[in-house]
Amino acid sequence: MNESTVPMKETIQQKYGEAARRVSSGGGGCCSASGAFGDVDPITKDLYSADQSSALPEEAVLASLGCGNPTALADLKPGETVLDLGSGGGIDVLLSAKRVGPLGRAYGLDMTDDMLALARENQQRAGATNVEFLKGDIEQIPLPDASVDVIISNCVINLSADKDRVFEEAYRVLKPGGRLAVSDVVVRGEVPVEVRRNVELWIGCVAGALEEGEYALKLAKAGFQGIDFEATRIYRAADAKAFLQCSGLDPETIGPAIDGKFASMFVRARKPVTGQTIVDVFDPAMCCSTGVCGPAPDPFLPRFAADLEWLATQGVVVRRHNLSQEPGAFAENAIVRAALTTDGTGCLPMILVNGEAVSQGKYPMRYTLARWAGVAAAKPGLELPLLSNQAAGSGCCS
């Protein structure tokens, strides 16, 4: 970490340490209902259900400073090992510990002593025996290679000044086939310089946010595949008005410039089991293998075929299956067979990456294919529209 990042790191430690002490003394977190921003923070409000909150120590809930609920979205299984990057007061670690059960384990990693002390107190209150809180930086995770099944994080990666290093470390400690499932704030478009430079907004996980395409490229560079983004909240100017005022910014000036530019995202990615990615495309019934032959092929299909050819040049194994020519491939694949049983042929085209379904009912653009396969591509464009069976079968395939 270079010298320019040290003051920011110290500022983050100071602010989060103050939040932990405030909770321990009976107050709220810095952005909680009783914290410095009162009820005005649109990012941290109402992230956990009443059932989840009521099952945990109140101090763990009050110390939650995240932007999402990764435990609700991550597919945790009994017996798995989970690591929470930037675990704070421990709410996501404790929720994860319940999901993985007594045969699993949940680690929390944080760099702030006061937060670690609070988290360990919450662990004792919750009676969680399959939990361990570690001190350290998310840029240098104190765990062995290939020791974790799932990595979660709740609006903490944005705070790092070296996100490439964070993703490299996450990749290192994940087991082959391990999953990254984090909540983070992602930028959608240009953001005013005043917001980027405002430390209080950085502490609130906004100023450090990456643009969606840049986020995907950094994950792919680290080696991740199956990269996907799911918006959980999109922030409007009206939501942030009081929050901006608390941060010393003029909402009338800044508000319109950030309207819809920030979103809480659930970010998924996977460490590949092998060094090669396999993309399977299950097409609706077509007269040829790609649907681009004949006098009037669907105008989207030639471009998609070219995108798949490009993907193959990037070292990805690409396989296409045509329902009219290879019905056995559809019947043999349990995921595709289940989708056909539930939704009929309306689920086609269906795309799987390393055996995991990533899309159905539409042909994606090259950028999206590249994200899923974990290779770099140009910035995203518009997705191809949903194709009905009639549209997919037009022209030579009718």
Protein backbone atom coordinates (compact mmCIF):
# COMPACT_ATOMS: atom_id res chain seq x y z
CA MET A 1 0.00 0.00 0.00
CA ASN A 2 1.61 3.32 -1.03
CA GLU A 3 2.00 6.35 1.23
CA SER A 4 -0.92 8.22 -0.33
CA THR A 5 -3.32 5.51 0.83
CA VAL A 6 -2.22 5.58 4.48
CA PRO A 7 -4.15 8.71 5.54
CA MET A 8 -7.33 7.28 4.00
CA LYS A 9 -6.81 3.97 5.78
CA GLU A 10 -6.24 5.77 9.08
CA THR A 11 -9.36 7.87 8.54
CA ILE A 12 -11.42 4.75 7.88
CA GLN A 13 -10.07 3.07 11.01
CA GLN A 14 -10.81 6.15 13.07
CA LYS A 15 -14.40 6.53 11.82
CA TYR A 16 -15.27 2.85 12.16
CA GLY A 17 -13.59 2.71 15.55
CA GLU A 18 -15.77 5.61 16.68
CA ALA A 19 -18.85 3.80 15.36
CA ALA A 20 -17.95 0.66 17.32
CA ARG A 21 -17.38 2.61 20.54
CA ARG A 22 -20.67 4.45 20.04
CA VAL A 23 -22.53 1.15 19.76
CA SER A 24 -20.71 -0.33 22.77
CA SER A 25 -21.67 2.69 24.85
CA GLY A 26 -25.34 2.37 23.93
CA GLY A 27 -25.47 4.58 20.81
CA GLY A 28 -25.82 3.60 17.15
CA GLY A 29 -23.48 3.07 14.27
CA CYS A 30 -22.28 6.04 12.24
CA CYS A 31 -25.00 5.54 9.72
CA SER A 32 -27.60 3.73 11.76
CA ALA A 33 -30.90 5.07 12.97
CA SER A 34 -29.26 6.62 16.00
CA GLY A 35 -25.95 7.50 14.39
CA ALA A 36 -24.45 10.68 13.06
CA PHE A 37 -26.58 10.71 9.90
CA GLY A 38 -29.76 9.86 11.78
CA ASP A 39 -32.42 8.41 9.52
CA VAL A 40 -31.12 10.03 6.33
CA ASP A 41 -28.68 7.45 4.96
CA PRO A 42 -30.38 5.73 1.99
CA ILE A 43 -27.62 3.13 1.72
CA THR A 44 -27.64 1.40 5.10
CA LYS A 45 -31.37 1.54 5.92
CA ASP A 46 -33.61 -1.52 6.16
CA LEU A 47 -31.17 -4.14 4.89
CA TYR A 48 -32.16 -7.00 7.17
CA SER A 49 -35.52 -8.60 7.80
CA ALA A 50 -37.12 -8.46 11.22
CA ASP A 51 -36.57 -12.20 11.61
CA GLN A 52 -32.85 -11.86 10.95
CA SER A 53 -32.42 -8.83 13.20
CA SER A 54 -34.38 -10.28 16.10
CA ALA A 55 -32.23 -13.43 16.15
CA LEU A 56 -29.00 -11.48 16.71
CA PRO A 57 -27.58 -9.26 19.46
CA GLU A 58 -28.83 -5.69 19.10
CA GLU A 59 -25.23 -4.43 19.05
CA ALA A 60 -24.49 -6.45 15.92
CA VAL A 61 -27.47 -4.91 14.14
CA LEU A 62 -26.63 -1.36 15.26
CA ALA A 63 -23.05 -1.72 14.03
CA SER A 64 -24.13 -2.76 10.54
CA LEU A 65 -22.77 -0.18 8.08
CA GLY A 66 -23.30 -2.07 4.83
CA CYS A 67 -25.18 -1.47 1.59
CA GLY A 68 -26.83 -4.86 1.19
CA ASN A 69 -27.48 -8.24 2.73
CA PRO A 70 -25.02 -10.71 1.14
CA THR A 71 -26.12 -13.55 3.41
CA ALA A 72 -29.63 -13.37 1.96
CA LEU A 73 -28.33 -13.60 -1.60
CA ALA A 74 -25.34 -15.93 -1.24
CA ASP A 75 -26.26 -19.59 -1.60
CA LEU A 76 -24.58 -20.81 1.58
CA LYS A 77 -24.66 -24.53 2.27
CA PRO A 78 -24.20 -26.54 5.49
CA GLY A 79 -20.57 -27.41 6.12
CA GLU A 80 -19.07 -24.61 4.03
CA THR A 81 -16.37 -22.19 5.14
CA VAL A 82 -17.31 -18.53 4.72
CA LEU A 83 -15.13 -15.42 4.95
CA ASP A 84 -16.56 -11.92 5.44
CA LEU A 85 -14.21 -9.16 4.25
CA GLY A 86 -14.59 -6.15 6.54
CA SER A 87 -16.84 -7.87 9.05
CA GLY A 88 -17.47 -4.86 11.33
CA GLY A 89 -19.74 -5.71 14.25
CA GLY A 90 -20.19 -9.25 12.91
CA ILE A 91 -23.81 -9.30 11.71
CA ASP A 92 -23.08 -11.05 8.39
CA VAL A 93 -20.63 -13.47 10.03
CA LEU A 94 -23.20 -14.50 12.63
CA LEU A 95 -25.93 -14.89 10.01
CA SER A 96 -23.55 -16.95 7.85
CA ALA A 97 -22.63 -19.15 10.81
CA LYS A 98 -26.28 -20.11 11.18
CA ARG A 99 -26.52 -20.97 7.48
CA VAL A 100 -23.40 -23.18 7.33
CA GLY A 101 -24.30 -24.93 10.58
CA PRO A 102 -22.09 -26.60 13.18
CA LEU A 103 -20.04 -28.45 10.56
CA GLY A 104 -19.24 -25.19 8.76
CA ARG A 105 -17.16 -22.20 9.80
CA ALA A 106 -17.53 -18.43 9.42
CA TYR A 107 -14.54 -16.08 9.52
CA GLY A 108 -14.74 -12.31 9.90
CA LEU A 109 -11.80 -10.12 8.85
CA ASP A 110 -11.48 -6.52 10.02
CA MET A 111 -8.62 -4.05 10.58
CA THR A 112 -10.25 -2.02 13.38
CA ASP A 113 -9.58 -3.13 16.96
CA ASP A 114 -12.77 -1.62 18.36
CA MET A 115 -14.90 -3.35 15.73
CA LEU A 116 -13.18 -6.68 16.38
CA ALA A 117 -13.79 -6.31 20.12
CA LEU A 118 -17.45 -5.54 19.50
CA ALA A 119 -17.78 -8.46 17.07
CA ARG A 120 -16.30 -10.91 19.58
CA GLU A 121 -18.68 -9.65 22.24
CA ASN A 122 -21.56 -10.20 19.82
CA GLN A 123 -20.26 -13.69 19.11
CA GLN A 124 -20.37 -14.51 22.82
CA ARG A 125 -23.88 -13.05 23.17
CA ALA A 126 -25.06 -15.13 20.20
CA GLY A 127 -23.35 -18.28 21.50
CA ALA A 128 -21.74 -18.90 18.10
CA THR A 129 -19.02 -21.55 18.38
CA ASN A 130 -18.25 -21.90 14.65
CA VAL A 131 -17.07 -18.28 14.28
CA GLU A 132 -13.63 -16.67 14.36
CA PHE A 133 -12.77 -13.00 13.93
CA LEU A 134 -9.36 -12.16 12.49
CA LYS A 135 -7.44 -8.89 12.45
CA GLY A 136 -5.98 -7.87 9.12
CA ASP A 137 -6.38 -6.02 5.84
CA ILE A 138 -8.57 -7.25 3.02
CA GLU A 139 -5.57 -6.62 0.73
CA GLN A 140 -3.60 -9.25 2.68
CA ILE A 141 -5.96 -11.94 3.98
CA PRO A 142 -4.43 -13.97 6.86
CA LEU A 143 -5.70 -17.36 5.63
CA PRO A 144 -4.03 -20.14 3.59
CA ASP A 145 -4.50 -20.68 -0.13
CA ALA A 146 -7.68 -22.47 -1.21
CA SER A 147 -9.15 -22.55 2.31
CA VAL A 148 -12.55 -20.85 1.82
CA ASP A 149 -15.71 -21.91 -0.03
CA VAL A 150 -17.49 -18.53 -0.12
CA ILE A 151 -16.34 -14.93 0.31
CA ILE A 152 -18.91 -12.31 1.25
CA SER A 153 -18.50 -8.61 1.94
CA ASN A 154 -20.89 -5.77 2.68
CA CYS A 155 -19.91 -2.44 1.15
CA VAL A 156 -16.25 -2.69 2.19
CA ILE A 157 -14.33 -3.35 -1.04
CA ASN A 158 -15.19 0.21 -2.12
CA LEU A 159 -13.15 1.48 0.83
CA SER A 160 -9.96 -0.15 -0.42
CA ALA A 161 -7.47 1.97 -2.34
CA ASP A 162 -6.06 -1.20 -3.96
CA LYS A 163 -9.04 -3.16 -5.23
CA ASP A 164 -6.92 -5.23 -7.63
CA ARG A 165 -5.05 -6.60 -4.65
CA VAL A 166 -8.32 -7.35 -2.83
CA PHE A 167 -9.59 -9.43 -5.75
CA GLU A 168 -6.24 -11.21 -6.11
CA GLU A 169 -6.29 -12.15 -2.43
CA ALA A 170 -9.92 -13.25 -2.59
CA TYR A 171 -9.07 -15.47 -5.55
CA ARG A 172 -6.08 -16.92 -3.70
CA VAL A 173 -7.94 -18.03 -0.57
CA LEU A 174 -10.97 -19.42 -2.42
CA LYS A 175 -11.03 -23.12 -3.18
CA PRO A 176 -11.37 -24.14 -6.85
CA GLY A 177 -15.04 -23.65 -7.63
CA GLY A 178 -15.37 -21.23 -4.70
CA ARG A 179 -17.74 -18.27 -4.94
CA LEU A 180 -17.46 -14.53 -4.42
CA ALA A 181 -20.83 -13.05 -3.36
CA VAL A 182 -20.50 -9.46 -2.21
CA SER A 183 -22.70 -6.41 -1.81
CA ASP A 184 -21.11 -3.20 -3.03
CA VAL A 185 -21.98 0.22 -4.39
CA VAL A 186 -21.33 0.46 -8.13
CA VAL A 187 -21.19 3.58 -10.31
CA ARG A 188 -23.30 3.91 -13.43
CA GLY A 189 -21.91 6.87 -15.34
CA GLU A 190 -19.82 9.98 -14.61
CA VAL A 191 -19.69 11.20 -10.99
CA PRO A 192 -18.81 14.76 -9.90
CA VAL A 193 -15.27 15.29 -8.63
CA GLU A 194 -16.64 16.80 -5.40
CA VAL A 195 -18.21 13.48 -4.51
CA ARG A 196 -15.11 11.47 -5.35
CA ARG A 197 -12.96 13.67 -3.14
CA ASN A 198 -15.30 13.87 -0.17
CA VAL A 199 -13.90 11.70 2.61
CA GLU A 200 -17.20 11.38 4.46
CA LEU A 201 -18.84 9.94 1.36
CA TRP A 202 -15.86 7.59 0.93
CA ILE A 203 -16.46 6.36 4.46
CA GLY A 204 -20.09 5.88 3.43
CA CYS A 205 -18.98 3.59 0.57
CA VAL A 206 -19.85 5.99 -2.25
CA ALA A 207 -16.73 7.89 -3.33
CA GLY A 208 -14.64 4.72 -3.66
CA ALA A 209 -17.17 2.96 -5.87
CA LEU A 210 -16.05 1.44 -9.16
CA GLU A 211 -17.86 1.79 -12.47
CA GLU A 212 -19.61 -1.48 -13.31
CA GLY A 213 -17.46 -2.28 -16.33
CA GLU A 214 -14.25 -1.51 -14.44
CA TYR A 215 -15.39 -3.72 -11.57
CA ALA A 216 -15.97 -6.62 -13.96
CA LEU A 217 -12.61 -6.17 -15.67
CA LYS A 218 -10.75 -6.18 -12.34
CA LEU A 219 -12.49 -9.40 -11.31
CA ALA A 220 -11.67 -11.01 -14.65
CA LYS A 221 -8.04 -9.87 -14.38
CA ALA A 222 -7.79 -11.62 -11.02
CA GLY A 223 -9.02 -14.83 -12.65
CA PHE A 224 -12.70 -14.87 -11.71
CA GLN A 225 -15.36 -16.23 -14.04
CA GLY A 226 -19.15 -16.19 -14.12
CA ILE A 227 -19.14 -12.49 -13.22
CA ASP A 228 -22.61 -11.07 -12.73
CA PHE A 229 -24.21 -7.93 -11.27
CA GLU A 230 -27.68 -7.64 -9.75
CA ALA A 231 -28.96 -4.21 -8.70
CA THR A 232 -30.62 -4.28 -5.28
CA ARG A 233 -31.08 -0.51 -4.83
CA ILE A 234 -30.71 2.41 -7.23
CA TYR A 235 -30.21 5.74 -5.47
CA ARG A 236 -32.10 8.81 -6.62
CA ALA A 237 -31.32 12.43 -5.84
CA ALA A 238 -34.30 12.67 -3.50
CA ASP A 239 -33.03 9.70 -1.46
CA ALA A 240 -29.65 11.35 -0.93
CA LYS A 241 -30.72 14.93 -0.17
CA ALA A 242 -30.31 14.85 3.62
CA PHE A 243 -27.31 12.53 3.32
CA LEU A 244 -25.53 15.06 1.07
CA GLN A 245 -26.32 17.87 3.50
CA CYS A 246 -24.80 15.86 6.36
CA SER A 247 -21.68 15.44 4.22
CA GLY A 248 -21.33 19.18 3.60
CA LEU A 249 -22.45 19.09 -0.04
CA ASP A 250 -25.19 21.16 -1.68
CA PRO A 251 -27.98 18.74 -2.67
CA GLU A 252 -29.41 21.22 -5.18
CA THR A 253 -26.09 21.26 -7.04
CA ILE A 254 -24.84 17.71 -6.55
CA GLY A 255 -28.18 15.89 -6.41
CA PRO A 256 -29.11 16.06 -10.13
CA ALA A 257 -25.57 15.05 -11.10
CA ILE A 258 -25.69 11.83 -9.07
CA ASP A 259 -29.33 10.91 -9.69
CA GLY A 260 -29.41 7.22 -10.58
CA LYS A 261 -25.60 7.08 -10.88
CA PHE A 262 -25.06 4.92 -7.78
CA ALA A 263 -26.57 1.51 -7.14
CA SER A 264 -26.14 -1.14 -4.49
CA MET A 265 -25.24 -4.28 -6.38
CA PHE A 266 -24.95 -7.91 -5.52
CA VAL A 267 -21.78 -9.03 -7.31
CA ARG A 268 -21.25 -12.72 -8.05
CA ALA A 269 -18.15 -14.41 -9.43
CA ARG A 270 -16.53 -17.82 -9.27
CA LYS A 271 -13.02 -19.25 -9.10
CA PRO A 272 -12.82 -21.83 -11.91
CA VAL A 273 -12.28 -25.48 -11.12
CA THR A 274 -9.94 -25.86 -14.07
CA GLY A 275 -7.97 -23.42 -16.13
CA GLN A 276 -10.44 -23.49 -19.04
CA THR A 277 -13.98 -22.10 -19.22
CA ILE A 278 -16.76 -23.93 -21.03
CA VAL A 279 -19.75 -22.01 -22.42
CA ASP A 280 -22.75 -24.05 -23.54
CA VAL A 281 -25.50 -22.39 -25.60
CA PHE A 282 -28.82 -24.24 -25.82
CA ASP A 283 -30.67 -22.73 -28.78
CA PRO A 284 -34.35 -23.11 -29.71
CA ALA A 285 -35.15 -25.29 -32.71
CA MET A 286 -33.30 -23.96 -35.78
CA CYS A 287 -32.67 -25.47 -39.20
CA CYS A 288 -28.90 -25.13 -38.84
CA SER A 289 -26.45 -25.13 -35.97
CA THR A 290 -26.30 -21.33 -35.62
CA GLY A 291 -29.53 -20.13 -37.24
CA VAL A 292 -27.70 -17.79 -39.64
CA CYS A 293 -28.27 -19.72 -42.87
CA GLY A 294 -31.11 -19.25 -45.35
CA PRO A 295 -32.49 -16.16 -47.06
CA ALA A 296 -33.76 -14.30 -43.96
CA PRO A 297 -31.94 -15.22 -40.74
CA ASP A 298 -32.82 -13.44 -37.53
CA PRO A 299 -30.69 -10.24 -37.58
CA PHE A 300 -29.41 -10.84 -34.04
CA LEU A 301 -28.07 -14.33 -34.67
CA PRO A 302 -25.13 -13.48 -36.99
CA ARG A 303 -23.79 -11.03 -34.41
CA PHE A 304 -24.17 -13.56 -31.61
CA ALA A 305 -22.43 -16.22 -33.70
CA ALA A 306 -19.55 -13.79 -34.30
CA ASP A 307 -19.37 -13.05 -30.58
CA LEU A 308 -19.10 -16.76 -29.81
CA GLU A 309 -16.33 -17.11 -32.42
CA TRP A 310 -14.49 -14.23 -30.73
CA LEU A 311 -14.98 -15.87 -27.33
CA ALA A 312 -13.33 -19.03 -28.65
CA THR A 313 -10.28 -16.99 -29.69
CA GLN A 314 -9.91 -15.96 -26.03
CA GLY A 315 -9.33 -19.58 -24.98
CA VAL A 316 -12.93 -20.35 -24.02
CA VAL A 317 -14.51 -23.65 -25.05
CA VAL A 318 -17.80 -22.81 -26.82
CA ARG A 319 -20.45 -25.44 -27.51
CA ARG A 320 -23.82 -24.79 -29.22
CA HIS A 321 -26.77 -27.16 -29.06
CA ASN A 322 -29.73 -26.86 -31.43
CA LEU A 323 -33.02 -28.30 -30.10
CA SER A 324 -34.05 -29.60 -33.54
CA GLN A 325 -30.69 -31.29 -34.19
CA GLU A 326 -29.52 -32.35 -30.69
CA PRO A 327 -32.58 -33.00 -28.54
CA GLY A 328 -30.54 -35.52 -26.55
CA ALA A 329 -28.21 -32.78 -25.25
CA PHE A 330 -31.22 -30.96 -23.81
CA ALA A 331 -32.59 -34.11 -22.18
CA GLU A 332 -29.24 -35.09 -20.70
CA ASN A 333 -28.56 -31.74 -19.02
CA ALA A 334 -30.45 -31.64 -15.70
CA ILE A 335 -30.50 -27.84 -15.49
CA VAL A 336 -31.82 -27.36 -19.02
CA ARG A 337 -34.27 -30.23 -18.66
CA ALA A 338 -35.69 -28.70 -15.47
CA ALA A 339 -36.07 -25.29 -17.13
CA LEU A 340 -37.87 -26.83 -20.10
CA THR A 341 -40.17 -28.72 -17.76
CA THR A 342 -41.01 -25.55 -15.83
CA ASP A 343 -41.07 -22.89 -18.57
CA GLY A 344 -41.26 -24.81 -21.82
CA THR A 345 -39.20 -23.70 -24.80
CA GLY A 346 -39.68 -20.09 -23.68
CA CYS A 347 -36.55 -20.56 -21.56
CA LEU A 348 -34.47 -20.88 -24.73
CA PRO A 349 -31.90 -19.73 -25.61
CA MET A 350 -30.25 -20.86 -22.39
CA ILE A 351 -26.59 -20.26 -21.58
CA LEU A 352 -24.47 -22.21 -19.08
CA VAL A 353 -20.93 -21.35 -17.98
CA ASN A 354 -19.01 -24.30 -16.53
CA GLY A 355 -22.31 -26.04 -15.95
CA GLU A 356 -24.01 -23.11 -14.20
CA ALA A 357 -27.03 -21.38 -15.78
CA VAL A 358 -26.32 -17.67 -16.29
CA SER A 359 -29.06 -16.63 -18.72
CA GLN A 360 -32.25 -17.77 -20.38
CA GLY A 361 -34.66 -16.31 -22.89
CA LYS A 362 -32.21 -13.89 -24.55
CA TYR A 363 -28.96 -13.65 -26.46
CA PRO A 364 -26.46 -11.46 -24.58
CA MET A 365 -23.98 -8.97 -25.98
CA ARG A 366 -20.26 -9.75 -26.29
CA TYR A 367 -19.39 -7.78 -23.16
CA THR A 368 -21.79 -9.83 -21.04
CA LEU A 369 -20.49 -13.10 -22.50
CA ALA A 370 -16.98 -11.99 -21.68
CA ARG A 371 -17.92 -11.15 -18.07
CA TRP A 372 -19.47 -14.55 -17.59
CA ALA A 373 -16.44 -16.29 -19.08
CA GLY A 374 -13.98 -14.15 -17.12
CA VAL A 375 -12.24 -12.49 -20.09
CA ALA A 376 -11.84 -8.81 -20.91
CA ALA A 377 -13.95 -7.08 -23.57
CA ALA A 378 -15.07 -3.61 -24.62
CA LYS A 379 -17.53 -1.60 -22.51
CA PRO A 380 -21.11 -2.93 -22.45
CA GLY A 381 -23.82 -2.11 -24.91
CA LEU A 382 -27.52 -2.91 -24.92
CA GLU A 383 -28.64 -6.48 -24.37
CA LEU A 384 -30.38 -8.13 -27.27
CA PRO A 385 -34.15 -8.16 -26.68
CA LEU A 386 -35.96 -11.23 -25.51
CA LEU A 387 -36.70 -13.51 -28.41
CA SER A 388 -39.94 -15.41 -28.54
CA ASN A 389 -39.93 -18.88 -30.07
CA GLN A 390 -41.52 -17.33 -33.15
CA ALA A 391 -38.81 -14.68 -33.43
CA ALA A 392 -36.05 -17.17 -32.79
CA GLY A 393 -37.47 -19.38 -35.51
CA SER A 394 -37.97 -16.70 -38.16
CA GLY A 395 -36.47 -16.81 -41.62
CA CYS A 396 -34.57 -20.04 -42.33
CA CYS A 397 -35.61 -21.45 -38.99
CA SER A 398 -39.35 -20.99 -39.34
